Amino acid sequence: MDSVPAKVMEHEARIKGAEHRLKDLEGEMHDLRELTKAVAVTNSNVEALHEQFNELHQDVRDLKEIPATRWEKAVVAVITGVVGVVIGAIMALVIK
């Protein structure tokens, strides 16, 4: 059987080891909290970038549609002009 002083010393050694591990865990918890904060900030930044990307994507779509709209208007103007000339020629022939 171990003596009381030996058991006390063994328990003190265990307590010191436990205190050391507890301090290590406290440091790790602090690091984990800091990492969690950093991830939250990063997530916020990614969401903001996503919104900006969506706006930019819509702007690009709008810009791509502008030439198509202009082209359609030009085609309509040419067709209207040709039809007008044909109708004018027919009217000129009928009136003569």
Protein backbone atom coordinates (compact mmCIF):
# COMPACT_ATOMS: atom_id res chain seq x y z
CA MET A 1 0.00 0.00 0.00
CA ASP A 2 1.24 3.50 -0.90
CA SER A 3 1.87 6.01 1.80
CA VAL A 4 -0.27 9.09 2.17
CA PRO A 5 2.50 11.53 1.16
CA ALA A 6 3.18 9.48 -2.00
CA LYS A 7 -0.51 9.55 -2.93
CA VAL A 8 -0.65 13.31 -2.28
CA MET A 9 2.34 13.84 -4.54
CA GLU A 10 0.76 11.63 -7.22
CA HIS A 11 -2.49 13.59 -6.99
CA GLU A 12 -0.61 16.90 -7.15
CA ALA A 13 1.18 15.71 -10.29
CA ARG A 14 -2.12 14.70 -11.83
CA ILE A 15 -3.68 18.04 -10.88
CA LYS A 16 -0.78 19.93 -12.48
CA GLY A 17 -1.15 17.82 -15.64
CA ALA A 18 -4.89 18.48 -15.70
CA GLU A 19 -4.33 22.22 -15.17
CA HIS A 20 -1.83 22.25 -18.02
CA ARG A 21 -4.27 20.45 -20.33
CA LEU A 22 -7.06 22.80 -19.22
CA LYS A 23 -4.94 25.86 -20.12
CA ASP A 24 -4.19 24.29 -23.51
CA LEU A 25 -7.91 23.73 -24.06
CA GLU A 26 -8.67 27.32 -23.08
CA GLY A 27 -6.16 28.51 -25.68
CA GLU A 28 -7.67 26.24 -28.29
CA MET A 29 -11.18 27.47 -27.45
CA HIS A 30 -9.99 31.06 -27.86
CA ASP A 31 -8.48 30.16 -31.23
CA LEU A 32 -11.71 28.41 -32.22
CA ARG A 33 -13.77 31.48 -31.29
CA GLU A 34 -11.47 33.70 -33.35
CA LEU A 35 -11.74 31.29 -36.28
CA THR A 36 -15.52 31.30 -35.98
CA LYS A 37 -15.53 35.10 -36.10
CA ALA A 38 -13.24 35.08 -39.14
CA VAL A 39 -15.48 32.57 -40.92
CA ALA A 40 -18.53 34.73 -40.21
CA VAL A 41 -16.79 37.78 -41.70
CA THR A 42 -15.68 35.75 -44.71
CA ASN A 43 -19.22 34.46 -45.20
CA SER A 44 -20.55 38.01 -45.10
CA ASN A 45 -17.98 39.08 -47.69
CA VAL A 46 -18.86 36.14 -49.95
CA GLU A 47 -22.55 37.03 -49.75
CA ALA A 48 -21.77 40.63 -50.71
CA LEU A 49 -19.64 39.44 -53.63
CA HIS A 50 -22.44 37.12 -54.72
CA GLU A 51 -24.90 40.01 -54.79
CA GLN A 52 -22.44 42.14 -56.77
CA PHE A 53 -21.88 39.27 -59.19
CA ASN A 54 -25.62 38.90 -59.75
CA GLU A 55 -25.94 42.63 -60.44
CA LEU A 56 -23.00 42.52 -62.83
CA HIS A 57 -24.45 39.47 -64.57
CA GLN A 58 -27.76 41.28 -65.09
CA ASP A 59 -25.94 44.36 -66.40
CA VAL A 60 -24.07 42.22 -68.93
CA ARG A 61 -27.36 40.65 -70.05
CA ASP A 62 -28.87 44.10 -70.48
CA LEU A 63 -25.87 45.27 -72.49
CA LYS A 64 -26.04 42.21 -74.73
CA GLU A 65 -29.70 42.92 -75.49
CA ILE A 66 -29.08 46.52 -76.64
CA PRO A 67 -27.52 45.63 -80.04
CA ALA A 68 -30.25 43.06 -80.68
CA THR A 69 -32.92 45.67 -80.00
CA ARG A 70 -31.20 48.17 -82.28
CA TRP A 71 -30.85 45.58 -85.03
CA GLU A 72 -34.57 44.70 -84.76
CA LYS A 73 -35.48 48.39 -85.02
CA ALA A 74 -33.25 48.79 -88.08
CA VAL A 75 -34.82 45.76 -89.78
CA VAL A 76 -38.32 47.07 -89.04
CA ALA A 77 -37.36 50.47 -90.48
CA VAL A 78 -35.95 48.91 -93.67
CA ILE A 79 -39.00 46.67 -94.14
CA THR A 80 -41.32 49.61 -93.53
CA GLY A 81 -39.40 51.68 -96.07
CA VAL A 82 -39.46 48.94 -98.71
CA VAL A 83 -43.18 48.33 -98.16
CA GLY A 84 -43.79 52.09 -98.39
CA VAL A 85 -41.85 52.33 -101.66
CA VAL A 86 -43.76 49.35 -103.12
CA ILE A 87 -47.11 50.78 -102.07
CA GLY A 88 -46.06 54.20 -103.40
CA ALA A 89 -45.07 52.63 -106.76
CA ILE A 90 -48.36 50.74 -106.96
CA MET A 91 -50.31 53.89 -106.12
CA ALA A 92 -48.34 55.81 -108.78
CA LEU A 93 -49.20 53.17 -111.37
CA VAL A 94 -52.86 53.14 -110.36
CA ILE A 95 -53.22 56.92 -110.45
CA LYS A 96 -51.63 57.29 -113.89
